[in-house]
């Protein structure tokens, strides 16, 4: 993908392990180079938070672990389009409320998705996702969800 600035990194100690999850699908002759890349110090031209909120597409490979990461939350907060694996969980809010692109074939369509999100489309998605965030993930709706869940649990205990 010529001309794209793609930053990568692995902050887990697994990057040093011979049986690390990331090694399984990498051809043996490429593992040393990948390992060097994973160990290289990353120098971002600006803060990571600023880059992710101004990025045309926030890419989140979930790999071995499917968790709700702070960086995914930050991207949804900023309204940016998200490219990620299809969720294997059911959140309390409709994930379809957000404009997200889901991987179909091991990230092969990433460049296609990047090319279809132009400046105008980015603004439309950003506005839509910010409204969805305010509806489902802002402090007040999250607080309501927590209170309702606790109330239901307490009622079930009686």
Protein backbone atom coordinates (compact mmCIF):
# COMPACT_ATOMS: atom_id res chain seq x y z
CA UNK A 1 0.00 0.00 0.00
CA UNK A 2 2.29 2.68 -1.30
CA UNK A 3 2.02 6.15 0.14
CA UNK A 4 0.29 5.06 3.34
CA UNK A 5 1.70 5.83 6.77
CA UNK A 6 0.89 2.78 8.84
CA UNK A 7 2.15 2.59 12.40
CA UNK A 8 2.37 -0.74 14.14
CA UNK A 9 3.49 -1.99 17.49
CA UNK A 10 3.08 -4.80 19.93
CA UNK A 11 3.27 -3.94 23.58
CA UNK A 12 2.99 -7.47 24.88
CA UNK A 13 5.83 -9.59 26.20
CA UNK A 14 4.54 -12.23 23.76
CA UNK A 15 6.58 -10.59 21.01
CA UNK A 16 9.67 -12.27 22.47
CA UNK A 17 8.21 -15.73 22.86
CA UNK A 18 9.10 -18.40 20.24
CA UNK A 19 5.48 -19.63 20.22
CA UNK A 20 3.93 -16.15 20.22
CA UNK A 21 0.50 -15.95 18.61
CA UNK A 22 1.69 -13.61 15.86
CA UNK A 23 4.24 -16.13 14.54
CA UNK A 24 1.74 -18.81 13.49
CA UNK A 25 0.68 -17.34 10.15
CA UNK A 26 3.97 -15.74 9.16
CA UNK A 27 6.25 -17.61 6.75
CA UNK A 28 9.39 -18.74 8.54
CA UNK A 29 11.71 -16.76 6.23
CA UNK A 30 9.90 -13.51 7.21
CA UNK A 31 9.79 -14.00 11.00
CA UNK A 32 13.14 -12.36 11.78
CA UNK A 33 12.18 -9.19 9.90
CA UNK A 34 8.76 -9.07 11.56
CA UNK A 35 10.40 -9.59 14.95
CA UNK A 36 12.79 -6.67 14.28
CA UNK A 37 9.82 -4.48 13.34
CA UNK A 38 7.97 -5.43 16.52
CA UNK A 39 10.99 -4.62 18.66
CA UNK A 40 11.82 -1.34 16.92
CA UNK A 41 11.10 1.82 18.85
CA UNK A 42 8.19 3.68 17.31
CA UNK A 43 8.53 7.42 16.81
CA UNK A 44 5.18 9.02 16.11
CA UNK A 45 5.20 12.44 14.40
CA UNK A 46 2.43 13.58 16.78
CA UNK A 47 0.58 12.12 19.73
CA UNK A 48 -1.05 8.77 19.04
CA UNK A 49 -4.40 10.11 20.22
CA UNK A 50 -4.23 13.00 17.74
CA UNK A 51 -3.28 10.65 14.94
CA UNK A 52 -6.11 8.21 15.63
CA UNK A 53 -8.75 10.94 15.90
CA UNK A 54 -7.65 12.57 12.64
CA UNK A 55 -7.07 9.31 10.75
CA UNK A 56 -9.28 8.50 7.79
CA UNK A 57 -9.74 4.98 9.14
CA UNK A 58 -8.96 3.50 12.55
CA UNK A 59 -7.77 -0.09 12.11
CA UNK A 60 -8.14 -2.52 15.01
CA UNK A 61 -6.91 -6.06 14.52
CA UNK A 62 -8.13 -8.09 17.44
CA UNK A 63 -5.99 -11.15 16.83
CA UNK A 64 -5.96 -13.61 19.68
CA UNK A 65 -7.70 -11.36 22.21
CA UNK A 66 -11.06 -9.69 21.64
CA UNK A 67 -11.30 -6.93 24.16
CA UNK A 68 -12.86 -3.52 24.29
CA UNK A 69 -9.75 -1.39 24.13
CA UNK A 70 -9.42 2.21 25.17
CA UNK A 71 -8.13 3.07 21.70
CA UNK A 72 -11.28 1.64 20.08
CA UNK A 73 -13.32 3.72 22.51
CA UNK A 74 -11.28 6.82 21.60
CA UNK A 75 -11.91 6.27 17.91
CA UNK A 76 -15.65 5.85 18.45
CA UNK A 77 -15.63 8.98 20.65
CA UNK A 78 -13.95 11.00 17.89
CA UNK A 79 -16.43 9.62 15.36
CA UNK A 80 -13.86 8.26 12.94
CA UNK A 81 -14.63 5.26 10.78
CA UNK A 82 -13.45 1.99 12.31
CA UNK A 83 -12.10 -1.08 10.49
CA UNK A 84 -12.09 -4.19 12.66
CA UNK A 85 -12.95 -7.84 13.03
CA UNK A 86 -16.66 -8.57 13.32
CA UNK A 87 -17.45 -8.53 17.04
CA UNK A 88 -17.93 -11.95 18.60
CA UNK A 89 -19.78 -10.46 21.54
CA UNK A 90 -23.09 -8.70 21.93
CA UNK A 91 -22.65 -5.31 23.59
CA UNK A 92 -25.54 -3.73 25.48
CA UNK A 93 -25.88 -1.19 22.66
CA UNK A 94 -26.41 -1.92 18.96
CA UNK A 95 -22.94 -2.02 17.41
CA UNK A 96 -24.62 -1.46 14.04
CA UNK A 97 -25.44 2.06 15.25
CA UNK A 98 -21.82 2.91 14.40
CA UNK A 99 -20.50 3.08 10.87
CA UNK A 100 -17.77 0.48 10.96
CA UNK A 101 -16.11 -1.65 8.32
CA UNK A 102 -15.59 -5.29 9.20
CA UNK A 103 -12.87 -7.55 7.89
CA UNK A 104 -14.02 -10.35 5.66
CA UNK A 105 -10.80 -11.95 4.47
CA UNK A 106 -7.84 -11.39 6.78
CA UNK A 107 -7.57 -7.65 6.12
CA UNK A 108 -7.23 -8.11 2.36
CA UNK A 109 -9.81 -5.39 1.71
CA UNK A 110 -8.15 -2.71 3.87
CA UNK A 111 -6.85 -0.74 0.89
CA UNK A 112 -10.27 -0.86 -0.79
CA UNK A 113 -11.93 0.51 2.33
CA UNK A 114 -9.26 3.21 2.69
CA UNK A 115 -9.86 4.28 -0.90
CA UNK A 116 -13.64 4.54 -0.46
CA UNK A 117 -13.43 6.84 2.58
CA UNK A 118 -12.79 10.22 1.01
CA UNK A 119 -12.96 13.54 2.88
CA UNK A 120 -16.69 13.99 2.31
CA UNK A 121 -17.52 10.41 3.36
CA UNK A 122 -15.24 10.81 6.40
CA UNK A 123 -17.20 13.87 7.57
CA UNK A 124 -20.54 12.07 7.12
CA UNK A 125 -19.30 9.01 9.05
CA UNK A 126 -17.77 11.20 11.75
CA UNK A 127 -21.05 13.06 12.35
CA UNK A 128 -23.04 9.80 12.37
CA UNK A 129 -20.64 8.02 14.76
CA UNK A 130 -20.45 10.98 17.14
CA UNK A 131 -24.25 11.00 17.37
CA UNK A 132 -24.26 7.23 18.00
CA UNK A 133 -21.57 7.66 20.66
CA UNK A 134 -23.60 10.35 22.44
CA UNK A 135 -26.67 8.10 22.31
CA UNK A 136 -25.00 4.92 23.65
CA UNK A 137 -21.50 5.49 25.08
CA UNK A 138 -21.45 8.96 26.63
CA UNK A 139 -21.31 9.03 30.46
CA UNK A 140 -25.09 9.51 30.98
CA UNK A 141 -26.25 6.53 28.85
CA UNK A 142 -23.51 4.30 30.29
CA UNK A 143 -24.54 5.37 33.80
CA UNK A 144 -28.19 4.60 33.02
CA UNK A 145 -27.20 1.17 31.72
CA UNK A 146 -25.17 0.42 34.87
CA UNK A 147 -28.00 1.57 37.17
CA UNK A 148 -30.61 -0.47 35.26
CA UNK A 149 -28.39 -3.55 35.34
CA UNK A 150 -27.75 -3.23 39.08
CA UNK A 151 -31.49 -2.68 39.74
CA UNK A 152 -32.38 -5.82 37.77
CA UNK A 153 -29.77 -7.84 39.64
CA UNK A 154 -31.08 -6.59 42.99
CA UNK A 155 -34.68 -7.35 42.00
CA UNK A 156 -33.69 -10.87 40.99
CA UNK A 157 -32.03 -11.40 44.37
CA UNK A 158 -35.27 -10.64 46.26
